[in-house]
C-alpha cells in the first residue's frame, strides 16, 4: 500500500488499495471553498458517494497510467476536475460548463426534496415512485457527464453516477 500526501488541492491523504488496478480513483475530495458545508442529509450523500467511488470505480485517462486522485470544485461557474497523480502532482484539470447540467440539476434538486419529505410521511408506493423518477434523472445526468468527459476521462456507468452525486453536491449548498 502506498500512502500519498498532496498540499494545496485539499487532498490530505489517500491510500491505494492493493490489487485494484490502475484505471481508478484512489482519492476524491470536494473543494470546500467553492461548495461549503451542507446540511446533514447533504453531507451524508457526499460521504456515501465518495466511499462508493473509492470502493469500486473505473477512471482512466487515455494515454496515461493511474491511479489518480480527484478534487472537484467550482471555478468561475464551471465544474473543475483537478486530477492528481499518486505522488500528488497535477496531471490535468478539466473545466466543464455547467450549462448542460442546469435543467437536470434543478429537476434533481426538486425530486430529492420530495424524496426526503416522502421518506418521513409517504406510503412505500409513493416513495418508490419518487425514487424511480430520481434514479431516472440521475442516470440522465451521469450520461451527460460521461459525454462531456469523453476523450478526456473514461468512466463506467456506476462511477459516472457517483460522480454526478458529487457534482450535485457542489451545487446543493444547503
Protein backbone atom coordinates (compact mmCIF):
# COMPACT_ATOMS: atom_id res chain seq x y z
CA UNK A 1 0.00 0.00 0.00
CA UNK A 2 1.21 3.49 -0.73
CA UNK A 3 0.29 6.49 1.33
CA UNK A 4 0.31 9.80 -0.51
CA UNK A 5 0.07 13.40 0.61
CA UNK A 6 -0.66 16.43 -1.51
CA UNK A 7 -0.74 20.03 -0.39
CA UNK A 8 -2.95 22.72 -1.79
CA UNK A 9 -5.55 20.61 -3.57
CA UNK A 10 -7.47 19.62 -0.47
CA UNK A 11 -6.20 16.03 -0.69
CA UNK A 12 -4.59 15.34 2.65
CA UNK A 13 -4.08 11.59 2.44
CA UNK A 14 -5.20 8.62 0.49
CA UNK A 15 -4.23 5.00 0.45
CA UNK A 16 -4.01 2.91 -2.68
CA UNK A 17 -5.83 -0.41 -2.20
CA UNK A 18 -3.85 -3.47 -3.25
CA UNK A 19 -5.00 -5.42 -6.30
CA UNK A 20 -7.50 -2.86 -7.62
CA UNK A 21 -5.69 -1.93 -10.85
CA UNK A 22 -4.50 1.41 -12.17
CA UNK A 23 -7.53 2.79 -14.03
CA UNK A 24 -9.17 4.09 -10.89
CA UNK A 25 -9.52 6.86 -8.35
CA UNK A 26 -7.80 6.36 -5.01
CA UNK A 27 -8.86 9.69 -3.54
CA UNK A 28 -11.73 12.14 -4.00
CA UNK A 29 -12.14 15.48 -2.31
CA UNK A 30 -14.55 18.37 -2.66
CA UNK A 31 -13.28 21.94 -2.70
CA UNK A 32 -14.87 23.41 0.43
CA UNK A 33 -14.09 26.98 -0.67
CA UNK A 34 -16.43 26.61 -3.64
CA UNK A 35 -19.13 24.42 -2.08
CA UNK A 36 -19.18 25.00 1.67
CA UNK A 37 -20.71 22.58 4.14
CA UNK A 38 -24.15 21.07 3.63
CA UNK A 39 -26.96 20.05 5.92
CA UNK A 40 -26.74 16.55 7.46
CA UNK A 41 -28.59 14.88 4.54
CA UNK A 42 -26.28 16.55 2.01
CA UNK A 43 -23.11 15.68 3.91
CA UNK A 44 -24.34 12.10 4.23
CA UNK A 45 -24.94 11.85 0.45
CA UNK A 46 -21.49 13.29 -0.26
CA UNK A 47 -19.76 10.88 2.12
CA UNK A 48 -21.60 7.86 0.71
CA UNK A 49 -20.80 8.85 -2.88
CA UNK A 50 -17.09 9.27 -2.10
CA UNK A 51 -16.99 5.98 -0.20
CA UNK A 52 -18.77 4.17 -3.06
CA UNK A 53 -16.44 5.67 -5.67
CA UNK A 54 -13.35 4.63 -3.76
CA UNK A 55 -14.68 1.11 -3.19
CA UNK A 56 -15.28 0.44 -6.89
CA UNK A 57 -14.64 2.72 -9.85
CA UNK A 58 -13.22 2.94 -13.32
CA UNK A 59 -11.45 6.22 -14.06
CA UNK A 60 -8.91 6.24 -16.88
CA UNK A 61 -7.14 8.96 -18.83
CA UNK A 62 -6.30 7.91 -22.38
CA UNK A 63 -2.55 7.52 -22.85
CA UNK A 64 -1.76 7.71 -19.12
CA UNK A 65 -1.45 5.27 -16.26
CA UNK A 66 -3.21 5.82 -12.94
CA UNK A 67 -4.28 5.58 -10.26
CA UNK A 68 -5.49 9.13 -9.65
CA UNK A 69 -6.94 11.43 -7.05
CA UNK A 70 -9.68 13.89 -7.92
CA UNK A 71 -10.57 17.25 -6.44
CA UNK A 72 -13.97 18.58 -7.57
CA UNK A 73 -14.79 22.24 -7.29
CA UNK A 74 -16.31 25.24 -8.98
CA UNK A 75 -14.19 27.80 -10.84
CA UNK A 76 -15.97 30.79 -12.40
CA UNK A 77 -19.25 28.86 -12.61
CA UNK A 78 -17.55 25.89 -14.26
CA UNK A 79 -17.03 22.43 -12.84
CA UNK A 80 -13.36 21.80 -12.12
CA UNK A 81 -11.97 18.26 -12.29
CA UNK A 82 -8.45 18.63 -10.85
CA UNK A 83 -6.76 15.26 -11.38
CA UNK A 84 -3.61 14.33 -9.44
CA UNK A 85 -1.04 11.56 -9.74
CA UNK A 86 -0.30 9.15 -6.87
CA UNK A 87 2.63 11.42 -5.94
CA UNK A 88 0.29 14.41 -5.61
CA UNK A 89 1.47 16.09 -8.80
CA UNK A 90 -1.15 17.71 -11.04
CA UNK A 91 -1.97 15.53 -14.05
CA UNK A 92 -4.58 17.77 -15.64
CA UNK A 93 -7.57 19.92 -14.88
CA UNK A 94 -10.76 19.89 -16.89
CA UNK A 95 -13.23 22.75 -16.64
CA UNK A 96 -16.73 21.78 -17.74
CA UNK A 97 -19.55 24.19 -18.37
CA UNK A 98 -22.47 23.59 -16.03
CA UNK A 99 -24.97 24.73 -18.69
CA UNK A 100 -25.72 21.17 -19.92
CA UNK A 101 -26.44 20.18 -16.30
CA UNK A 102 -28.61 23.14 -15.19
CA UNK A 103 -32.02 21.66 -16.01
CA UNK A 104 -31.27 18.20 -14.66
CA UNK A 105 -29.68 19.66 -11.50
CA UNK A 106 -32.75 21.83 -10.91
CA UNK A 107 -35.11 18.89 -11.50
CA UNK A 108 -32.94 16.55 -9.43
CA UNK A 109 -32.91 19.00 -6.52
CA UNK A 110 -36.71 19.20 -6.57
CA UNK A 111 -37.16 15.44 -6.70
CA UNK A 112 -34.59 14.91 -3.93
CA UNK A 113 -36.50 17.31 -1.70
CA UNK A 114 -39.71 15.42 -2.48
CA UNK A 115 -37.95 12.12 -1.77
CA UNK A 116 -36.60 13.24 1.62
CA UNK A 117 -40.03 14.60 2.57
CA UNK A 118 -41.73 11.40 1.40
CA UNK A 119 -39.41 9.20 3.46
CA UNK A 120 -40.86 10.83 6.56
CA UNK A 121 -44.56 10.72 5.67
CA UNK A 122 -45.47 8.91 2.44
CA UNK A 123 -46.51 5.35 1.74
CA UNK A 124 -43.94 2.87 0.39
CA UNK A 125 -45.62 3.01 -3.04
CA UNK A 126 -45.29 6.80 -3.19
CA UNK A 127 -41.67 6.65 -2.05
CA UNK A 128 -40.89 4.05 -4.71
CA UNK A 129 -42.46 6.18 -7.46
CA UNK A 130 -40.47 9.24 -6.45
CA UNK A 131 -37.30 7.18 -6.20
CA UNK A 132 -37.80 5.80 -9.72
CA UNK A 133 -38.00 9.36 -11.03
CA UNK A 134 -34.93 10.32 -9.03
CA UNK A 135 -32.94 7.37 -10.43
CA UNK A 136 -34.01 8.25 -13.98
CA UNK A 137 -32.77 11.84 -13.62
CA UNK A 138 -29.58 10.57 -12.01
CA UNK A 139 -28.95 8.25 -14.99
CA UNK A 140 -29.61 11.09 -17.44
CA UNK A 141 -27.15 13.37 -15.66
CA UNK A 142 -24.48 10.69 -15.39
CA UNK A 143 -24.70 10.03 -19.14
CA UNK A 144 -24.30 13.78 -19.78
CA UNK A 145 -21.21 13.74 -17.58
CA UNK A 146 -19.75 10.78 -19.48
CA UNK A 147 -20.43 12.52 -22.81
CA UNK A 148 -18.81 15.78 -21.61
CA UNK A 149 -15.69 13.92 -20.44
CA UNK A 150 -15.46 11.63 -23.49
CA UNK A 151 -11.94 11.55 -24.92
CA UNK A 152 -10.52 13.10 -21.75
CA UNK A 153 -11.60 10.69 -19.00
CA UNK A 154 -13.10 7.24 -19.41
CA UNK A 155 -15.73 6.41 -16.76
CA UNK A 156 -18.01 3.44 -16.33
CA UNK A 157 -21.73 3.95 -15.67
CA UNK A 158 -21.56 3.48 -11.88
CA UNK A 159 -18.58 5.82 -11.48
CA UNK A 160 -20.37 8.47 -13.55
CA UNK A 161 -23.48 8.12 -11.35
CA UNK A 162 -21.44 8.55 -8.17
CA UNK A 163 -19.54 11.49 -9.63
CA UNK A 164 -22.82 13.15 -10.56
CA UNK A 165 -23.85 12.84 -6.90
CA UNK A 166 -20.76 14.90 -6.10
CA UNK A 167 -21.44 17.34 -8.95
CA UNK A 168 -24.88 17.80 -7.46
CA UNK A 169 -23.31 18.26 -4.02
CA UNK A 170 -21.26 21.14 -5.44
CA UNK A 171 -24.47 22.85 -6.48
CA UNK A 172 -26.56 21.90 -3.44
CA UNK A 173 -25.17 24.32 -0.87
CA UNK A 174 -27.67 23.88 1.93
